[in-house]
């Protein structure tokens, strides 16, 4: 009887762990997308500033590429 209770508890914990891991995986993907969007926005702003200030000279192009 004791082993049945323990195995039932183990199965319940395993079921609860599945959604948690799935949520962690989804959160990781969301975080990576958020970082990508942030990096693209930052690059766009740098490019825009270069166009406005230096007419997109060669040095400005190098600054953007080296970030």
N, C-alpha and C. Protein backbone atom coordinates (compact mmCIF):
# COMPACT_ATOMS: atom_id res chain seq x y z
N UNK A 1 0.82 -1.20 0.00
CA UNK A 1 0.00 0.00 0.00
C UNK A 1 0.86 1.25 0.00
N UNK A 2 1.93 1.21 0.79
CA UNK A 2 2.81 2.37 0.89
C UNK A 2 3.44 2.70 -0.46
N UNK A 3 3.85 1.67 -1.22
CA UNK A 3 4.49 1.90 -2.52
C UNK A 3 3.49 2.47 -3.53
N UNK A 4 2.24 2.09 -3.42
CA UNK A 4 1.21 2.63 -4.31
C UNK A 4 1.03 4.12 -4.07
N UNK A 5 1.00 4.52 -2.81
CA UNK A 5 0.86 5.93 -2.47
C UNK A 5 2.07 6.71 -2.98
N UNK A 6 3.26 6.15 -2.77
CA UNK A 6 4.49 6.84 -3.22
C UNK A 6 4.54 6.95 -4.73
N UNK A 7 4.18 5.87 -5.43
CA UNK A 7 4.23 5.94 -6.89
C UNK A 7 3.15 6.88 -7.43
N UNK A 8 2.01 6.93 -6.75
CA UNK A 8 0.97 7.88 -7.15
C UNK A 8 1.42 9.31 -6.96
N UNK A 9 2.13 9.57 -5.86
CA UNK A 9 2.66 10.90 -5.60
C UNK A 9 3.72 11.26 -6.64
N UNK A 10 4.57 10.28 -6.98
CA UNK A 10 5.61 10.52 -7.99
C UNK A 10 5.00 10.85 -9.34
N UNK A 11 3.93 10.15 -9.70
CA UNK A 11 3.26 10.42 -10.97
C UNK A 11 2.64 11.82 -10.96
N UNK A 12 2.06 12.20 -9.85
CA UNK A 12 1.46 13.54 -9.75
C UNK A 12 2.52 14.62 -9.89
N UNK A 13 3.66 14.42 -9.21
CA UNK A 13 4.75 15.40 -9.30
C UNK A 13 5.28 15.49 -10.73
N UNK A 14 5.38 14.35 -11.40
CA UNK A 14 5.85 14.34 -12.79
C UNK A 14 4.88 15.10 -13.69
N UNK A 15 3.58 14.95 -13.45
CA UNK A 15 2.59 15.67 -14.24
C UNK A 15 2.69 17.17 -14.02
N UNK A 16 2.92 17.57 -12.79
CA UNK A 16 3.03 18.99 -12.48
C UNK A 16 4.32 19.58 -13.03
N UNK A 17 5.35 18.76 -13.12
CA UNK A 17 6.65 19.22 -13.61
C UNK A 17 6.62 19.49 -15.11
N UNK A 18 5.79 18.75 -15.85
CA UNK A 18 5.70 18.93 -17.31
C UNK A 18 5.34 20.34 -17.71
N UNK A 19 4.22 20.88 -17.22
CA UNK A 19 3.85 22.26 -17.58
C UNK A 19 4.88 23.28 -17.12
N UNK A 20 5.51 23.04 -15.99
CA UNK A 20 6.53 23.98 -15.49
C UNK A 20 7.70 24.05 -16.47
N UNK A 21 8.16 22.90 -16.92
CA UNK A 21 9.27 22.87 -17.88
C UNK A 21 8.85 23.50 -19.20
N UNK A 22 7.63 23.25 -19.60
CA UNK A 22 7.13 23.84 -20.84
C UNK A 22 7.07 25.36 -20.70
N UNK A 23 6.61 25.85 -19.56
CA UNK A 23 6.56 27.29 -19.32
C UNK A 23 7.96 27.90 -19.33
N UNK A 24 8.92 27.18 -18.74
CA UNK A 24 10.30 27.67 -18.75
C UNK A 24 10.84 27.75 -20.17
N UNK A 25 10.52 26.75 -20.99
CA UNK A 25 10.99 26.75 -22.38
C UNK A 25 10.35 27.90 -23.16
N UNK A 26 9.07 28.12 -22.95
CA UNK A 26 8.37 29.22 -23.62
C UNK A 26 8.96 30.55 -23.17
N UNK A 27 9.21 30.69 -21.89
CA UNK A 27 9.78 31.94 -21.36
C UNK A 27 11.15 32.21 -21.97
N UNK A 28 11.93 31.15 -22.15
CA UNK A 28 13.26 31.30 -22.74
C UNK A 28 13.14 31.82 -24.18
N UNK A 29 12.21 31.27 -24.93
CA UNK A 29 11.99 31.72 -26.31
C UNK A 29 11.54 33.18 -26.33
N UNK A 30 10.62 33.52 -25.45
CA UNK A 30 10.12 34.90 -25.37
C UNK A 30 11.25 35.86 -25.02
N UNK A 31 12.09 35.47 -24.07
CA UNK A 31 13.22 36.32 -23.68
C UNK A 31 14.19 36.52 -24.84
N UNK A 32 14.47 35.46 -25.59
CA UNK A 32 15.37 35.57 -26.74
C UNK A 32 14.78 36.50 -27.81
N UNK A 33 13.49 36.38 -28.05
CA UNK A 33 12.83 37.27 -29.02
C UNK A 33 12.89 38.71 -28.56
N UNK A 34 12.67 38.91 -27.28
CA UNK A 34 12.72 40.27 -26.71
C UNK A 34 14.11 40.87 -26.89
N UNK A 35 15.16 40.06 -26.63
CA UNK A 35 16.53 40.53 -26.81
C UNK A 35 16.80 40.86 -28.28
N UNK A 36 16.30 40.02 -29.18
CA UNK A 36 16.50 40.25 -30.60
C UNK A 36 15.84 41.55 -31.03
N UNK A 37 14.62 41.78 -30.60
CA UNK A 37 13.92 43.02 -30.93
C UNK A 37 14.68 44.22 -30.37
N UNK A 38 15.15 44.11 -29.14
CA UNK A 38 15.91 45.20 -28.53
C UNK A 38 17.17 45.49 -29.33
N UNK A 39 17.90 44.45 -29.72
CA UNK A 39 19.12 44.63 -30.49
C UNK A 39 18.85 45.27 -31.85
N UNK A 40 17.79 44.84 -32.51
CA UNK A 40 17.44 45.42 -33.80
C UNK A 40 17.03 46.88 -33.66
N UNK A 41 16.27 47.20 -32.63
CA UNK A 41 15.87 48.58 -32.40
C UNK A 41 17.09 49.45 -32.11
N UNK A 42 18.01 48.93 -31.33
CA UNK A 42 19.23 49.66 -31.01
C UNK A 42 20.05 49.92 -32.27
N UNK A 43 20.17 48.91 -33.10
CA UNK A 43 20.91 49.06 -34.35
C UNK A 43 20.24 50.07 -35.27
N UNK A 44 18.93 50.04 -35.33
CA UNK A 44 18.19 51.00 -36.15
C UNK A 44 18.42 52.42 -35.67
N UNK A 45 18.39 52.62 -34.36
CA UNK A 45 18.63 53.97 -33.82
C UNK A 45 20.04 54.45 -34.12
N UNK A 46 21.03 53.56 -33.98
CA UNK A 46 22.41 53.94 -34.30
C UNK A 46 22.53 54.31 -35.77
N UNK A 47 21.91 53.53 -36.63
CA UNK A 47 21.95 53.80 -38.07
C UNK A 47 21.29 55.14 -38.37
N UNK A 48 20.16 55.37 -37.76
CA UNK A 48 19.43 56.63 -37.98
C UNK A 48 20.27 57.82 -37.53
N UNK A 49 20.91 57.71 -36.37
CA UNK A 49 21.76 58.80 -35.88
C UNK A 49 22.92 59.06 -36.84
N UNK A 50 23.49 58.00 -37.37
CA UNK A 50 24.60 58.18 -38.31
C UNK A 50 24.14 58.89 -39.57
N UNK A 51 22.98 58.52 -40.07
CA UNK A 51 22.46 59.19 -41.27
C UNK A 51 22.24 60.68 -41.00
N UNK A 52 21.74 60.99 -39.82
CA UNK A 52 21.43 62.38 -39.50
C UNK A 52 22.69 63.20 -39.23
N UNK A 53 23.69 62.61 -38.61
CA UNK A 53 24.85 63.39 -38.18
C UNK A 53 26.00 63.38 -39.17
N UNK A 54 26.27 62.24 -39.77
CA UNK A 54 27.47 62.15 -40.60
C UNK A 54 27.18 61.79 -42.05
N UNK A 55 25.94 61.77 -42.43
CA UNK A 55 25.64 61.38 -43.81
C UNK A 55 26.09 59.96 -44.12
N UNK A 56 26.13 59.15 -43.12
CA UNK A 56 26.51 57.73 -43.23
C UNK A 56 27.87 57.56 -43.89
N UNK A 57 28.86 58.16 -43.30
CA UNK A 57 30.23 58.05 -43.80
C UNK A 57 30.79 56.66 -43.50
N UNK A 58 31.98 56.41 -44.01
CA UNK A 58 32.63 55.11 -43.80
C UNK A 58 32.88 54.84 -42.32
N UNK A 59 33.29 55.86 -41.56
CA UNK A 59 33.56 55.65 -40.13
C UNK A 59 32.29 55.31 -39.38
N UNK A 60 31.20 55.91 -39.77
CA UNK A 60 29.93 55.60 -39.12
C UNK A 60 29.54 54.15 -39.40
N UNK A 61 29.75 53.71 -40.61
CA UNK A 61 29.44 52.33 -40.97
C UNK A 61 30.27 51.37 -40.12
N UNK A 62 31.52 51.70 -39.89
CA UNK A 62 32.37 50.85 -39.06
C UNK A 62 31.90 50.84 -37.61
N UNK A 63 31.44 51.96 -37.11
CA UNK A 63 30.94 52.04 -35.73
C UNK A 63 29.75 51.10 -35.55
N UNK A 64 28.86 51.11 -36.52
CA UNK A 64 27.65 50.29 -36.42
C UNK A 64 28.02 48.81 -36.46
N UNK A 65 28.91 48.45 -37.37
CA UNK A 65 29.28 47.04 -37.50
C UNK A 65 30.02 46.52 -36.28
N UNK A 66 30.77 47.37 -35.60
CA UNK A 66 31.53 46.91 -34.45
C UNK A 66 30.72 46.92 -33.16
N UNK A 67 29.63 47.66 -33.11
CA UNK A 67 28.76 47.81 -31.94
C UNK A 67 29.57 47.66 -30.71
